[in-house]
Amino acid sequence: MSTQQPKPAAKPAATEKKSGGISAGLILIVLFAIAIAIYTFVMGDGSHFEGGTNEGHPLPGDYFGVVYKGGVIVPVLMTCFLTALTFSIERMFTIGKAKGTGDVNTFVRSVQSALDKDDVEGALKACDKQKGSVGNVTLAAIKKYKALTTEKSLDKEQKLAALSKEVEEATSLELPMLEKNLTIIATLASVSTLIGLLGTVIGMIKAFASLGNSGGSTDSSALANGISEALINTALGIGTSAICIIAYNVFTAKIDELTYSIDEIGLSVNQNYATHHN
């Protein structure tokens, strides 16, 4: 009597894991150097100040000169802003590419329509045309769907479990690529405010120190410079934080839409297999 054990479902083909991003450490260093260069050579240029030197007061309405007077915290805040801008652009292209070549909702409907008719080849063609993360996950699921139709060693329940596992594994390879660097943007949203607050405190310290060193007479110029430095850092910190919060929420919402589409297709694949095959 044969004692041969049922053959397990074939393992999914190895898929190359995508990095989907750029080196955060290297980018931070480069952007910090750029921020210092802009602060020193552009904002600190004498043409923005009275007397032709950055030791003087900023020219009326010259915001480069005004921001330069924010002090040493300004290049740090500029680095935060440039970092948020860089990774926002990078995420925008990555998530846009992940959607594929066509409208995601239209693609989902076309795949569901093909599977309702048990048209596996039509669903595969739609995946090849769509590409992107949604297309890649769906392609893996449809290929598994097709392979299981000829699999005789597993019962229906085991086939459905194998199909669900295929979708989960394909999704786990795609989602990290979409979410990479979002943590940096989220961190900058809170850190920028704290750095701006630090600049505010430093500016106020300078303002009150000028009062203490004036020997009883108010040094209005030094006091104004200290308060100005404090407010400039406050504005830069809050502005950068606001941009980071908006960018993070926008990208999170877009990723959630893609995830929902993937989940919808995964459920549709399972339901259609259960309907059309044993």
Protein backbone atom coordinates (compact mmCIF):
# COMPACT_ATOMS: atom_id res chain seq x y z
CA MET A 1 0.00 0.00 0.00
CA SER A 2 1.37 3.40 -0.93
CA THR A 3 2.36 5.66 1.97
CA GLN A 4 3.17 8.65 -0.19
CA GLN A 5 2.35 11.92 1.55
CA PRO A 6 0.36 14.64 -0.22
CA LYS A 7 2.65 16.99 -2.09
CA PRO A 8 2.64 20.52 -0.66
CA ALA A 9 1.82 23.48 -2.86
CA ALA A 10 4.74 24.81 -4.85
CA LYS A 11 6.62 27.61 -3.18
CA PRO A 12 6.37 31.00 -4.84
CA ALA A 13 9.25 31.97 -7.07
CA ALA A 14 11.87 34.04 -5.34
CA THR A 15 11.29 37.72 -5.96
CA GLU A 16 14.03 40.28 -5.75
CA LYS A 17 13.34 42.60 -2.85
CA LYS A 18 13.24 46.22 -3.90
CA SER A 19 15.08 48.94 -2.03
CA GLY A 20 12.81 51.67 -3.41
CA GLY A 21 14.71 54.60 -2.01
CA ILE A 22 17.97 56.47 -1.52
CA SER A 23 20.48 56.35 1.30
CA ALA A 24 19.12 58.61 4.05
CA GLY A 25 22.47 59.15 5.78
CA LEU A 26 24.27 60.27 2.63
CA ILE A 27 21.39 62.54 1.63
CA LEU A 28 21.36 64.24 5.05
CA ILE A 29 25.09 64.98 4.87
CA VAL A 30 24.84 66.38 1.34
CA LEU A 31 21.80 68.51 2.17
CA PHE A 32 23.44 69.87 5.33
CA ALA A 33 26.44 70.95 3.24
CA ILE A 34 24.09 72.57 0.71
CA ALA A 35 22.20 74.36 3.50
CA ILE A 36 25.42 75.77 4.95
CA ALA A 37 26.54 76.93 1.50
CA ILE A 38 23.20 78.67 0.85
CA TYR A 39 23.21 80.27 4.30
CA THR A 40 26.79 81.49 4.02
CA PHE A 41 27.19 82.50 0.39
CA VAL A 42 23.65 83.35 -0.71
CA MET A 43 21.80 84.64 2.32
CA GLY A 44 24.97 86.06 3.87
CA ASP A 45 26.00 87.93 0.76
CA GLY A 46 26.66 91.62 1.46
CA SER A 47 24.19 92.74 -1.20
CA HIS A 48 21.34 91.85 1.17
CA PHE A 49 22.52 94.19 3.94
CA GLU A 50 23.05 97.85 4.64
CA GLY A 51 26.67 98.86 4.23
CA GLY A 52 27.43 95.91 1.91
CA THR A 53 28.34 93.52 4.74
CA ASN A 54 26.32 90.94 6.62
CA GLU A 55 27.24 92.69 9.86
CA GLY A 56 24.72 95.41 8.99
CA HIS A 57 20.94 95.35 9.08
CA PRO A 58 19.04 93.58 6.30
CA LEU A 59 17.77 95.81 3.52
CA PRO A 60 14.04 96.61 3.80
CA GLY A 61 11.99 93.78 2.30
CA ASP A 62 15.06 91.57 1.69
CA TYR A 63 14.02 88.23 3.16
CA PHE A 64 17.39 86.57 2.49
CA GLY A 65 19.01 89.05 4.80
CA VAL A 66 16.22 88.71 7.36
CA VAL A 67 16.52 84.91 7.47
CA TYR A 68 20.32 85.13 7.67
CA LYS A 69 19.93 87.05 10.92
CA GLY A 70 18.19 84.00 12.39
CA GLY A 71 21.59 82.72 13.46
CA VAL A 72 23.33 79.34 13.48
CA ILE A 73 20.11 77.34 13.85
CA VAL A 74 18.93 78.47 10.41
CA PRO A 75 21.18 76.03 8.44
CA VAL A 76 19.88 73.16 10.58
CA LEU A 77 16.27 74.13 9.87
CA MET A 78 17.11 74.55 6.19
CA THR A 79 18.51 71.01 6.22
CA CYS A 80 15.23 69.75 7.70
CA PHE A 81 13.27 71.56 5.00
CA LEU A 82 15.49 70.33 2.15
CA THR A 83 15.37 66.77 3.53
CA ALA A 84 11.57 66.84 3.70
CA LEU A 85 11.40 68.26 0.17
CA THR A 86 13.86 65.68 -1.23
CA PHE A 87 12.14 62.66 0.30
CA SER A 88 8.70 64.00 -0.60
CA ILE A 89 9.72 64.20 -4.26
CA GLU A 90 11.32 60.75 -4.05
CA ARG A 91 8.18 59.24 -2.46
CA MET A 92 5.98 60.97 -5.03
CA PHE A 93 7.81 59.29 -7.91
CA THR A 94 8.03 55.92 -6.12
CA ILE A 95 4.33 55.80 -5.22
CA GLY A 96 3.37 57.08 -8.67
CA LYS A 97 5.40 54.27 -10.25
CA ALA A 98 3.83 51.75 -7.86
CA LYS A 99 0.37 52.59 -9.20
CA GLY A 100 1.37 51.33 -12.62
CA THR A 101 0.60 52.59 -16.09
CA GLY A 102 -3.16 52.89 -15.80
CA ASP A 103 -5.87 53.84 -13.34
CA VAL A 104 -5.78 51.44 -10.37
CA ASN A 105 -9.55 51.26 -9.94
CA THR A 106 -10.05 50.48 -13.62
CA PHE A 107 -7.39 47.76 -13.39
CA VAL A 108 -9.07 46.20 -10.34
CA ARG A 109 -12.43 46.15 -12.13
CA SER A 110 -10.90 44.57 -15.25
CA VAL A 111 -9.19 41.81 -13.25
CA GLN A 112 -12.38 41.09 -11.31
CA SER A 113 -14.36 40.97 -14.55
CA ALA A 114 -11.89 38.54 -16.12
CA LEU A 115 -11.89 36.27 -13.08
CA ASP A 116 -15.69 36.29 -12.92
CA LYS A 117 -15.57 34.73 -16.39
CA ASP A 118 -12.71 32.42 -15.28
CA ASP A 119 -10.58 34.15 -17.94
CA VAL A 120 -7.16 33.66 -16.36
CA GLU A 121 -5.24 34.62 -19.49
CA GLY A 122 -7.17 37.88 -19.74
CA ALA A 123 -6.31 38.69 -16.12
CA LEU A 124 -2.63 37.94 -16.79
CA LYS A 125 -2.61 40.28 -19.79
CA ALA A 126 -4.15 43.04 -17.67
CA CYS A 127 -1.38 42.56 -15.07
CA ASP A 128 1.35 42.69 -17.71
CA LYS A 129 -0.12 45.93 -19.03
CA GLN A 130 -0.61 47.57 -15.61
CA LYS A 131 2.80 46.82 -14.01
CA GLY A 132 3.63 48.63 -10.73
CA SER A 133 3.18 47.22 -7.22
CA VAL A 134 -0.54 46.51 -7.63
CA GLY A 135 0.13 44.79 -10.95
CA ASN A 136 3.02 42.76 -9.51
CA VAL A 137 1.00 41.46 -6.55
CA THR A 138 -1.96 40.65 -8.77
CA LEU A 139 0.29 38.90 -11.29
CA ALA A 140 1.73 36.68 -8.54
CA ALA A 141 -1.77 35.85 -7.33
CA ILE A 142 -3.09 35.04 -10.82
CA LYS A 143 -0.08 32.83 -11.61
CA LYS A 144 -0.70 30.93 -8.39
CA TYR A 145 -4.39 30.75 -9.30
CA LYS A 146 -3.48 29.21 -12.66
CA ALA A 147 -1.00 26.75 -11.12
CA LEU A 148 -3.52 25.54 -8.55
CA THR A 149 -6.11 24.70 -11.22
CA THR A 150 -3.92 21.73 -12.24
CA GLU A 151 -2.78 20.81 -8.72
CA LYS A 152 -4.25 17.44 -7.70
CA SER A 153 -2.53 16.73 -4.37
CA LEU A 154 -4.29 19.47 -2.36
CA ASP A 155 -7.91 19.81 -1.38
CA LYS A 156 -9.90 22.97 -1.98
CA GLU A 157 -9.29 24.42 1.47
CA GLN A 158 -5.53 23.95 1.15
CA LYS A 159 -5.53 25.58 -2.29
CA LEU A 160 -7.38 28.63 -0.99
CA ALA A 161 -4.91 28.90 1.91
CA ALA A 162 -1.98 28.66 -0.52
CA LEU A 163 -3.55 31.36 -2.69
CA SER A 164 -3.99 33.69 0.29
CA LYS A 165 -0.40 33.08 1.37
CA GLU A 166 0.86 33.95 -2.11
CA VAL A 167 -0.94 37.30 -2.01
CA GLU A 168 0.43 38.05 1.49
CA GLU A 169 4.02 37.22 0.48
CA ALA A 170 3.84 39.28 -2.70
CA THR A 171 2.37 42.20 -0.75
CA SER A 172 5.09 41.99 1.90
CA LEU A 173 7.70 42.46 -0.82
CA GLU A 174 6.02 45.56 -2.26
CA LEU A 175 4.82 47.55 0.79
CA PRO A 176 8.26 48.20 2.37
CA MET A 177 9.29 49.92 -0.87
CA LEU A 178 6.27 52.23 -0.62
CA GLU A 179 6.69 53.07 3.08
CA LYS A 180 10.45 53.60 3.07
CA ASN A 181 11.59 57.12 4.14
CA LEU A 182 8.12 58.05 5.42
CA THR A 183 9.52 57.62 8.94
CA ILE A 184 12.06 60.35 8.22
CA ILE A 185 9.33 62.75 7.10
CA ALA A 186 7.26 61.94 10.19
CA THR A 187 10.29 62.48 12.45
CA LEU A 188 11.08 65.83 10.85
CA ALA A 189 7.51 66.96 11.52
CA SER A 190 8.20 66.97 15.27
CA VAL A 191 11.95 67.58 15.27
CA SER A 192 11.65 70.75 13.16
CA THR A 193 9.38 72.33 15.75
CA LEU A 194 11.81 71.48 18.55
CA ILE A 195 14.79 72.84 16.61
CA GLY A 196 12.84 76.02 15.88
CA LEU A 197 12.04 76.28 19.59
CA LEU A 198 15.73 75.91 20.37
CA GLY A 199 16.49 78.80 18.00
CA THR A 200 13.74 80.80 19.70
CA VAL A 201 15.26 80.22 23.12
CA ILE A 202 18.74 81.17 21.88
CA GLY A 203 17.36 84.37 20.38
CA MET A 204 15.57 85.31 23.59
CA ILE A 205 18.70 84.58 25.62
CA LYS A 206 20.60 87.03 23.41
CA ALA A 207 17.83 89.61 23.76
CA PHE A 208 17.80 89.47 27.57
CA ALA A 209 21.60 89.29 27.71
CA SER A 210 21.73 92.58 25.84
CA LEU A 211 19.51 94.10 28.51
CA GLY A 212 21.77 92.78 31.25
CA ASN A 213 24.89 94.14 29.59
CA SER A 214 23.46 97.56 28.85
CA GLY A 215 24.17 98.85 32.36
CA GLY A 216 20.68 100.19 32.90
CA SER A 217 20.22 101.77 29.44
CA THR A 218 18.24 99.77 26.93
CA ASP A 219 20.20 98.66 23.85
CA SER A 220 17.25 98.67 21.46
CA SER A 221 19.29 97.39 18.52
CA ALA A 222 20.62 94.32 20.34
CA LEU A 223 17.21 93.64 21.88
CA ALA A 224 15.51 93.83 18.47
CA ASN A 225 18.12 91.53 16.91
CA GLY A 226 17.61 88.92 19.62
CA ILE A 227 13.83 88.96 19.31
CA SER A 228 14.09 88.90 15.51
CA GLU A 229 16.36 85.85 15.64
CA ALA A 230 13.89 84.11 17.95
CA LEU A 231 10.91 84.76 15.71
CA ILE A 232 12.74 83.79 12.50
CA ASN A 233 13.62 80.38 13.96
CA THR A 234 10.07 79.93 15.23
CA ALA A 235 8.65 80.64 11.78
CA LEU A 236 11.08 78.31 9.99
CA GLY A 237 10.50 75.49 12.47
CA ILE A 238 6.69 75.70 12.33
CA GLY A 239 6.67 76.08 8.53
CA THR A 240 8.91 73.05 7.99
CA SER A 241 6.87 70.98 10.45
CA ALA A 242 3.62 71.88 8.68
CA ILE A 243 5.03 70.83 5.30
CA CYS A 244 6.23 67.49 6.75
CA ILE A 245 2.84 66.75 8.33
CA ILE A 246 0.99 67.48 5.09
CA ALA A 247 3.42 65.38 3.01
CA TYR A 248 3.26 62.44 5.45
CA ASN A 249 -0.54 62.41 5.51
CA VAL A 250 -0.80 62.67 1.71
CA PHE A 251 1.61 59.80 1.08
CA THR A 252 0.05 57.64 3.80
CA ALA A 253 -3.37 58.13 2.22
CA LYS A 254 -2.01 57.15 -1.22
CA ILE A 255 -0.36 54.01 0.20
CA ASP A 256 -3.60 53.08 1.98
CA GLU A 257 -5.45 53.34 -1.35
CA LEU A 258 -2.96 50.97 -3.00
CA THR A 259 -3.15 48.56 -0.06
CA TYR A 260 -6.94 48.57 -0.24
CA SER A 261 -6.79 47.78 -3.97
CA ILE A 262 -4.40 44.90 -3.34
CA ASP A 263 -6.63 43.51 -0.57
CA GLU A 264 -9.67 43.84 -2.82
CA ILE A 265 -7.98 41.89 -5.62
CA GLY A 266 -6.72 39.23 -3.19
CA LEU A 267 -10.24 38.67 -1.89
CA SER A 268 -11.63 38.58 -5.41
CA VAL A 269 -9.06 35.98 -6.51
CA ASN A 270 -9.96 33.70 -3.58
CA GLN A 271 -13.70 34.06 -4.11
CA ASN A 272 -13.45 33.34 -7.82
CA TYR A 273 -11.27 30.28 -7.28
CA ALA A 274 -13.75 28.97 -4.74
CA THR A 275 -16.55 29.53 -7.25
CA HIS A 276 -15.00 28.06 -10.38
CA HIS A 277 -12.65 25.32 -9.11
CA ASN A 278 -12.45 22.49 -6.62
